[in-house]
Amino acid sequence: MKLSADTIRICQKNSWKKKLKLEKIFLPPTFTFITAPTLIKKLKDEHELHKRIRELERQLAEEKLRSEAYARIIDKAEKELKIPIRKKPNTK
């Protein structure tokens, strides 16, 4: 069985963990080569995430406007009809 350099590094890391009796140890990441298909997939995923974020931000802005509109409608109704609509803070 031929061991690769990465396998040897992993074995060495594990032996140091055992020697130092550490459960978790910070080790710098090893360099990996990214192939073109992997890079394209990663970029597509990032693009999809950015699209999703923009969509959620748009929905949030719409909900803020809707909330403000409801608040103004309630204020106007309370003024014109002279009846309390909102729950008072001290009530249980």
Foldseek 3Di string as FASTA:
>chain_A
DDDDPVRVVVVVVVVVCVVVVHPDDDDDDDDDDDDPVRVVVVVVVVVVVVVVVVVVVVVVVVVVVVVVVVVVVQVVCCVVVVDDDDDDPPDD
